[in-house]
C-alpha atoms as a PDB file:
ATOM      1  CA  MET A   1     -14.600  12.077   4.529  1.00  0.00           C
ATOM      2  CA  LYS A   2     -13.266   8.544   4.866  1.00  0.00           C
ATOM      3  CA  LYS A   3      -9.509   8.205   4.489  1.00  0.00           C
ATOM      4  CA  ARG A   4      -8.357   6.055   1.568  1.00  0.00           C
ATOM      5  CA  ILE A   5      -5.752   3.333   2.060  1.00  0.00           C
ATOM      6  CA  THR A   6      -3.500   4.992  -0.499  1.00  0.00           C
ATOM      7  CA  ASP A   7      -3.422   8.201   1.589  1.00  0.00           C
ATOM      8  CA  ALA A   8      -0.998   6.489   3.989  1.00  0.00           C
ATOM      9  CA  PHE A   9       1.464   5.889   1.118  1.00  0.00           C
ATOM     10  CA  ARG A  10       3.286   7.835  -1.598  1.00  0.00           C
ATOM     11  CA  ARG A  11       3.854   6.446  -5.094  1.00  0.00           C
ATOM     12  CA  GLU A  12       7.459   6.984  -6.166  1.00  0.00           C
ATOM     13  CA  ALA A  13       8.733   7.595  -9.706  1.00  0.00           C
ATOM     14  CA  ASP A  14      10.297   4.106  -9.835  1.00  0.00           C
ATOM     15  CA  GLY A  15       6.911   2.430  -9.209  1.00  0.00           C
ATOM     16  CA  SER A  16       7.527   1.722  -5.542  1.00  0.00           C
ATOM     17  CA  TRP A  17       5.302   2.925  -2.715  1.00  0.00           C
ATOM     18  CA  THR A  18       6.581   4.427   0.561  1.00  0.00           C
ATOM     19  CA  CYS A  19       4.518   4.169   3.736  1.00  0.00           C
ATOM     20  CA  LEU A  20       4.116   7.671   5.189  1.00  0.00           C
ATOM     21  CA  GLU A  21       2.437   6.775   8.477  1.00  0.00           C
ATOM     22  CA  THR A  22       2.211   3.634  10.528  1.00  0.00           C
ATOM     23  CA  THR A  23      -1.133   2.052   9.729  1.00  0.00           C
ATOM     24  CA  THR A  24      -3.038  -1.208   9.765  1.00  0.00           C
ATOM     25  CA  VAL A  25      -5.089  -2.081   6.689  1.00  0.00           C
ATOM     26  CA  ASP A  26      -7.759  -4.749   6.389  1.00  0.00           C
ATOM     27  CA  HIS A  27      -6.799  -6.491   3.137  1.00  0.00           C
ATOM     28  CA  PRO A  28      -9.785  -8.310   1.579  1.00  0.00           C
ATOM     29  CA  ASN A  29      -7.923 -11.630   1.155  1.00  0.00           C
ATOM     30  CA  HIS A  30      -5.269 -11.539   3.872  1.00  0.00           C
ATOM     31  CA  GLY A  31      -6.898  -9.817   6.855  1.00  0.00           C
ATOM     32  CA  PRO A  32      -5.205  -7.019   8.757  1.00  0.00           C
ATOM     33  CA  ILE A  33      -1.730  -6.029   7.582  1.00  0.00           C
ATOM     34  CA  HIS A  34       0.425  -3.683   9.673  1.00  0.00           C
ATOM     35  CA  PHE A  35       2.629  -1.180   7.822  1.00  0.00           C
ATOM     36  CA  THR A  36       5.388   0.864   9.443  1.00  0.00           C
ATOM     37  CA  ALA A  37       6.207   4.406   8.367  1.00  0.00           C
ATOM     38  CA  GLY A  38       9.235   4.450   6.076  1.00  0.00           C
ATOM     39  CA  ALA A  39       8.697   0.971   4.648  1.00  0.00           C
ATOM     40  CA  VAL A  40       9.163   0.822   0.866  1.00  0.00           C
ATOM     41  CA  PHE A  41       7.409  -1.675  -1.394  1.00  0.00           C
ATOM     42  CA  HIS A  42       8.604  -2.289  -4.955  1.00  0.00           C
ATOM     43  CA  PRO A  43       6.315  -3.805  -7.623  1.00  0.00           C
ATOM     44  CA  GLU A  44       7.634  -7.372  -7.246  1.00  0.00           C
ATOM     45  CA  ASP A  45       8.058  -7.328  -3.440  1.00  0.00           C
ATOM     46  CA  THR A  46       5.729  -9.521  -1.404  1.00  0.00           C
ATOM     47  CA  TYR A  47       4.820  -8.596   2.168  1.00  0.00           C
ATOM     48  CA  MET A  48       2.468 -10.741   4.268  1.00  0.00           C
ATOM     49  CA  GLY A  49       1.520 -12.616   1.089  1.00  0.00           C
ATOM     50  CA  VAL A  50       0.594  -9.436  -0.806  1.00  0.00           C
ATOM     51  CA  LYS A  51       2.353  -7.632  -3.661  1.00  0.00           C
ATOM     52  CA  VAL A  52       1.744  -4.325  -1.900  1.00  0.00           C
ATOM     53  CA  ALA A  53       2.855  -1.962  -4.690  1.00  0.00           C
ATOM     54  CA  LYS A  54       0.662  -3.706  -7.250  1.00  0.00           C
ATOM     55  CA  TRP A  55      -2.278  -3.721  -4.841  1.00  0.00           C
ATOM     56  CA  LEU A  56      -1.862  -0.001  -4.112  1.00  0.00           C
ATOM     57  CA  ASP A  57      -1.543   0.682  -7.854  1.00  0.00           C
ATOM     58  CA  SER A  58      -4.867  -1.071  -8.436  1.00  0.00           C
ATOM     59  CA  LEU A  59      -6.540   0.960  -5.686  1.00  0.00           C
ATOM     60  CA  ALA A  60      -5.109   4.235  -7.014  1.00  0.00           C
ATOM     61  CA  ASP A  61      -6.060   3.361 -10.607  1.00  0.00           C
ATOM     62  CA  ALA A  62      -9.615   2.538  -9.524  1.00  0.00           C
ATOM     63  CA  ARG A  63      -9.996   6.086  -8.205  1.00  0.00           C
ATOM     64  CA  HIS A  64      -9.302   7.599 -11.616  1.00  0.00           C
END
């Protein structure tokens, strides 16, 4: 079974996402993005040109 991008993160109660394992993700518009374990992304934070929490929310929502 292919691992989902969201499997490397945990959604927190405050809407942020915490990176659980160091990983590199190929974002469709921004190319590869490297994430370090322990990094936290809040809904309005931008990292490498991406609102990571909102992007992960959209991926998680698409699964349901």
